[in-house]
N, C-alpha and C. Protein backbone atom coordinates (compact mmCIF):
# COMPACT_ATOMS: atom_id res chain seq x y z
N TYR A 1 17.74 -0.89 -7.79
CA TYR A 1 18.22 0.46 -7.94
C TYR A 1 19.06 0.65 -9.20
N GLY A 2 19.77 -0.39 -9.60
CA GLY A 2 20.66 -0.28 -10.75
C GLY A 2 19.93 0.09 -12.03
N LYS A 3 18.78 -0.52 -12.25
CA LYS A 3 18.00 -0.22 -13.46
C LYS A 3 17.49 1.22 -13.42
N TRP A 4 17.01 1.66 -12.27
CA TRP A 4 16.54 3.05 -12.15
C TRP A 4 17.69 4.00 -12.44
N TRP A 5 18.84 3.72 -11.83
CA TRP A 5 19.99 4.60 -12.01
C TRP A 5 20.37 4.70 -13.48
N SER A 6 20.52 3.57 -14.14
CA SER A 6 20.98 3.60 -15.53
C SER A 6 19.99 4.30 -16.45
N GLN A 7 18.71 4.03 -16.28
CA GLN A 7 17.70 4.68 -17.13
C GLN A 7 17.69 6.19 -16.93
N CYS A 8 17.77 6.63 -15.69
CA CYS A 8 17.72 8.06 -15.39
C CYS A 8 19.03 8.75 -15.75
N PHE A 9 20.14 8.12 -15.42
CA PHE A 9 21.45 8.72 -15.71
C PHE A 9 21.63 8.93 -17.20
N LEU A 10 21.29 7.93 -17.99
CA LEU A 10 21.49 8.02 -19.44
C LEU A 10 20.59 9.06 -20.10
N THR A 11 19.44 9.34 -19.51
CA THR A 11 18.53 10.33 -20.10
C THR A 11 18.64 11.70 -19.45
N GLY A 12 19.50 11.83 -18.44
CA GLY A 12 19.73 13.13 -17.82
C GLY A 12 18.74 13.51 -16.73
N ILE A 13 17.97 12.56 -16.25
CA ILE A 13 17.02 12.84 -15.16
C ILE A 13 17.80 12.92 -13.86
N GLU A 14 17.58 13.97 -13.08
CA GLU A 14 18.34 14.18 -11.85
C GLU A 14 17.62 13.72 -10.60
N GLN A 15 16.28 13.63 -10.66
CA GLN A 15 15.51 13.27 -9.47
C GLN A 15 14.29 12.46 -9.87
N ILE A 16 13.94 11.47 -9.03
CA ILE A 16 12.72 10.69 -9.25
C ILE A 16 11.88 10.74 -7.97
N LEU A 17 10.63 10.37 -8.09
CA LEU A 17 9.75 10.28 -6.94
C LEU A 17 9.44 8.81 -6.68
N LEU A 18 9.65 8.38 -5.45
CA LEU A 18 9.35 7.02 -5.05
C LEU A 18 7.99 7.01 -4.35
N GLY A 19 7.14 6.09 -4.74
CA GLY A 19 5.83 5.95 -4.09
C GLY A 19 5.83 4.70 -3.23
N PHE A 20 5.46 4.85 -1.98
CA PHE A 20 5.42 3.73 -1.04
C PHE A 20 3.97 3.32 -0.83
N ARG A 21 3.69 2.05 -1.12
CA ARG A 21 2.32 1.53 -1.05
C ARG A 21 2.07 0.75 0.24
N ASP A 22 0.80 0.71 0.61
CA ASP A 22 0.41 -0.12 1.75
C ASP A 22 0.07 -1.52 1.24
N ASP A 23 -0.41 -2.37 2.11
CA ASP A 23 -0.73 -3.76 1.74
C ASP A 23 -1.86 -3.86 0.72
N TYR A 24 -2.62 -2.78 0.54
CA TYR A 24 -3.73 -2.77 -0.41
C TYR A 24 -3.34 -2.16 -1.76
N GLY A 25 -2.08 -1.76 -1.89
CA GLY A 25 -1.60 -1.19 -3.14
C GLY A 25 -1.83 0.30 -3.27
N VAL A 26 -2.27 0.96 -2.21
CA VAL A 26 -2.53 2.40 -2.23
C VAL A 26 -1.25 3.13 -1.84
N VAL A 27 -0.84 4.10 -2.67
CA VAL A 27 0.35 4.89 -2.37
C VAL A 27 0.04 5.78 -1.17
N ARG A 28 0.82 5.62 -0.12
CA ARG A 28 0.61 6.36 1.13
C ARG A 28 1.67 7.42 1.38
N GLN A 29 2.81 7.30 0.71
CA GLN A 29 3.89 8.26 0.92
C GLN A 29 4.67 8.41 -0.38
N ILE A 30 5.09 9.63 -0.67
CA ILE A 30 5.93 9.90 -1.83
C ILE A 30 7.20 10.57 -1.32
N GLN A 31 8.33 10.08 -1.82
CA GLN A 31 9.62 10.61 -1.38
C GLN A 31 10.50 10.89 -2.60
N PRO A 32 11.07 12.10 -2.70
CA PRO A 32 11.99 12.38 -3.80
C PRO A 32 13.33 11.69 -3.55
N LEU A 33 13.99 11.31 -4.63
CA LEU A 33 15.30 10.67 -4.54
C LEU A 33 16.18 11.21 -5.66
N LEU A 34 17.32 11.76 -5.29
CA LEU A 34 18.28 12.22 -6.29
C LEU A 34 18.98 11.02 -6.90
N ILE A 35 19.17 11.05 -8.20
CA ILE A 35 19.80 9.94 -8.90
C ILE A 35 21.21 9.70 -8.38
N LYS A 36 21.92 10.77 -8.03
CA LYS A 36 23.28 10.60 -7.52
C LYS A 36 23.31 9.87 -6.19
N ASP A 37 22.18 9.82 -5.47
CA ASP A 37 22.12 9.13 -4.18
C ASP A 37 21.74 7.65 -4.32
N ILE A 38 21.35 7.22 -5.51
CA ILE A 38 20.91 5.83 -5.69
C ILE A 38 22.05 4.85 -5.40
N GLU A 39 23.25 5.14 -5.87
CA GLU A 39 24.35 4.20 -5.65
C GLU A 39 24.59 4.00 -4.15
N THR A 40 24.55 5.07 -3.38
CA THR A 40 24.75 4.97 -1.93
C THR A 40 23.69 4.10 -1.30
N ARG A 41 22.43 4.32 -1.66
CA ARG A 41 21.34 3.51 -1.10
C ARG A 41 21.47 2.05 -1.51
N ALA A 42 21.83 1.81 -2.75
CA ALA A 42 21.94 0.44 -3.25
C ALA A 42 23.07 -0.32 -2.56
N VAL A 43 24.19 0.35 -2.35
CA VAL A 43 25.31 -0.30 -1.67
C VAL A 43 24.90 -0.67 -0.25
N ARG A 44 24.20 0.24 0.44
CA ARG A 44 23.75 -0.04 1.81
C ARG A 44 22.78 -1.21 1.87
N SER A 45 21.94 -1.36 0.85
CA SER A 45 20.94 -2.42 0.88
C SER A 45 21.43 -3.69 0.18
N HIS A 46 22.69 -3.70 -0.25
CA HIS A 46 23.32 -4.86 -0.89
C HIS A 46 22.63 -5.26 -2.20
N THR A 47 22.06 -4.29 -2.93
CA THR A 47 21.44 -4.58 -4.22
C THR A 47 22.31 -4.12 -5.38
N TRP A 48 23.41 -3.46 -5.11
CA TRP A 48 24.29 -2.95 -6.15
C TRP A 48 25.54 -3.82 -6.19
N VAL A 49 25.79 -4.44 -7.31
CA VAL A 49 26.99 -5.26 -7.49
C VAL A 49 27.77 -4.64 -8.64
N ASP A 50 28.92 -4.05 -8.34
CA ASP A 50 29.69 -3.28 -9.33
C ASP A 50 29.99 -4.06 -10.61
N GLU A 51 30.32 -5.33 -10.51
CA GLU A 51 30.70 -6.05 -11.72
C GLU A 51 29.53 -6.27 -12.67
N ASN A 52 28.30 -6.01 -12.22
CA ASN A 52 27.13 -6.15 -13.09
C ASN A 52 26.84 -4.87 -13.87
N TYR A 53 27.52 -3.76 -13.56
CA TYR A 53 27.21 -2.49 -14.21
C TYR A 53 28.42 -1.90 -14.87
């Protein structure tokens, strides 16, 4: 999430679309995600480490 956040934040992008694939690589679901919500999701999933950013 950190890389997505930094790339989007620095360029002013406010929302991205996440594509969820099945085991065959076919996108089955698309979900919008606000950039401001990425930090919250990353902290919950333990992928965001503050000292790295």
